[in-house]
Each structure stands twice: as structure tokens, then as C-alpha cells.
Protein backbone atom coordinates (compact mmCIF):
# COMPACT_ATOMS: atom_id res chain seq x y z
CA MET A 1 -54.27 -98.65 -139.61
CA ASP A 2 -50.98 -96.54 -137.63
CA THR A 3 -52.04 -93.35 -136.02
CA LYS A 4 -48.95 -91.27 -135.47
CA GLN A 5 -48.83 -87.78 -133.56
CA TRP A 6 -46.82 -85.02 -134.82
CA ARG A 7 -46.47 -81.88 -132.01
CA ILE A 8 -45.88 -77.78 -132.89
CA GLU A 9 -45.86 -75.85 -130.50
CA VAL A 10 -46.09 -71.99 -131.10
CA PHE A 11 -44.01 -68.90 -129.29
CA LEU A 12 -44.36 -65.74 -129.20
CA THR A 13 -43.01 -62.49 -128.44
CA GLU A 14 -43.64 -59.03 -128.42
CA GLU A 15 -41.43 -56.06 -128.40
CA GLY A 16 -41.59 -53.23 -129.20
CA GLY A 17 -44.37 -52.79 -131.85
CA ARG A 18 -42.58 -56.18 -133.29
CA THR A 19 -44.21 -59.92 -133.30
CA THR A 20 -41.82 -62.86 -133.33
CA ALA A 21 -43.31 -66.82 -133.54
CA THR A 22 -41.43 -69.33 -133.01
CA ALA A 23 -43.14 -72.39 -134.66
CA ARG A 24 -41.71 -76.11 -133.14
CA LEU A 25 -42.17 -79.47 -134.61
CA ARG A 26 -41.68 -82.46 -132.98
CA THR A 27 -42.04 -85.71 -135.22
CA GLY A 28 -42.85 -89.08 -134.06
CA ALA A 29 -38.94 -90.21 -134.95
CA GLY A 30 -38.03 -87.11 -132.72
CA GLU A 31 -36.79 -84.95 -135.07
CA VAL A 32 -37.40 -81.05 -134.42
CA LEU A 33 -37.54 -78.82 -136.87
CA ASP A 34 -37.67 -74.56 -135.79
CA ALA A 35 -39.18 -71.79 -138.18
CA SER A 36 -39.65 -68.41 -137.06
CA GLY A 37 -42.27 -65.16 -138.75
CA THR A 38 -42.38 -61.70 -137.37
CA ALA A 39 -45.39 -59.31 -138.06
CA ARG A 40 -44.30 -55.26 -137.28
CA LEU A 41 -46.95 -52.89 -136.04
CA ASN A 42 -47.49 -49.63 -138.33
CA PRO A 43 -47.09 -46.72 -136.22
CA VAL A 44 -50.12 -44.96 -137.42
CA ASP A 45 -52.23 -48.28 -137.08
CA ARG A 46 -53.68 -49.13 -133.61
CA ASN A 47 -51.96 -51.98 -131.44
CA VAL A 48 -53.97 -54.96 -131.52
CA PRO A 49 -51.92 -57.67 -130.35
CA GLU A 50 -53.89 -60.53 -131.68
CA ILE A 51 -53.54 -59.71 -134.80
CA GLY A 52 -49.75 -58.85 -134.45
CA ASP A 53 -49.91 -62.95 -133.32
CA GLU A 54 -51.82 -63.52 -135.70
CA LEU A 55 -49.51 -62.82 -138.80
CA ALA A 56 -46.34 -64.06 -137.05
CA THR A 57 -47.40 -67.45 -136.16
CA ALA A 58 -48.78 -67.81 -139.88
CA ARG A 59 -45.33 -66.88 -141.20
CA ALA A 60 -43.42 -69.24 -138.90
CA LEU A 61 -46.29 -72.29 -140.03
CA SER A 62 -45.55 -71.22 -143.58
CA ALA A 63 -41.95 -71.15 -143.14
CA LEU A 64 -42.20 -74.36 -141.41
CA ALA A 65 -43.51 -75.88 -143.82
CA HIS A 66 -41.23 -74.79 -146.51
CA ARG A 67 -38.15 -76.35 -144.35
CA LEU A 68 -40.16 -79.53 -143.92
CA LEU A 69 -40.59 -79.84 -147.59
CA ASP A 70 -36.91 -79.31 -148.26
CA VAL A 71 -36.57 -81.96 -145.46
CA ALA A 72 -38.32 -84.28 -147.39
CA ALA A 73 -36.87 -83.42 -150.65
CA GLU A 74 -33.57 -83.88 -148.82
CA ASP A 75 -34.72 -87.91 -147.85
CA ILE A 76 -35.99 -88.58 -151.39
CA GLU A 77 -32.89 -87.53 -152.77
CA ASP A 78 -30.87 -89.81 -150.45
CA VAL A 79 -33.08 -92.71 -151.32
CA THR A 80 -33.24 -92.30 -154.59
CA HIS A 81 -29.66 -90.53 -155.50
CA LYS A 82 -31.55 -87.82 -157.84
CA HIS A 83 -32.34 -84.48 -157.62
CA VAL A 84 -35.45 -83.83 -155.80
CA ARG A 85 -37.72 -80.35 -156.42
CA LEU A 86 -40.53 -80.45 -154.18
CA GLU A 87 -43.32 -77.25 -153.63
CA GLY A 88 -45.77 -77.19 -151.66
């Protein structure tokens, strides 16, 4: 059995009612992929920072998943020399 470990770090910043999350994936091969997501506080809503963190992080992780699918498609194309479209 082969076990691998990939790490994802999430960095959050908040400024002026906007939360930005950057998700960084480090593969076992040393590759690094970054993606970001944002959440904005509606001026009429109560400020609950945890909700902004959750939304921004979910959006960053979703964007990261799509980036990883694109990388996998490129790798498959390099091996097969055929166009590939992966959907998640």
C-alpha cells in the first residue's frame, strides 16, 4: 500500500468588509497550486467574521479543485496527445 500526503493551507485576510482566502496545495512531488476566493459583507447584514471566512474558503477550495482538474487534463494530454476535458 502506497500512502501519499498532500497539504492544503488556507490564508485568510479581512479588510473593509471583504474576506479573501488563498488556498495553497503542496503535492508530494513539490508542486504548488494556488487559488483564491472572496466574500463581501452586505452593509445591511450583521458582521459575523466566521461566515466570511467560511464563504471565502469554500470559494478558494472550489477554485483550487478546478485548477487541479485543469492540471490533470494537461498531464493526460501530454501522455495521450489527445484533447481531454475533465469536469468535476
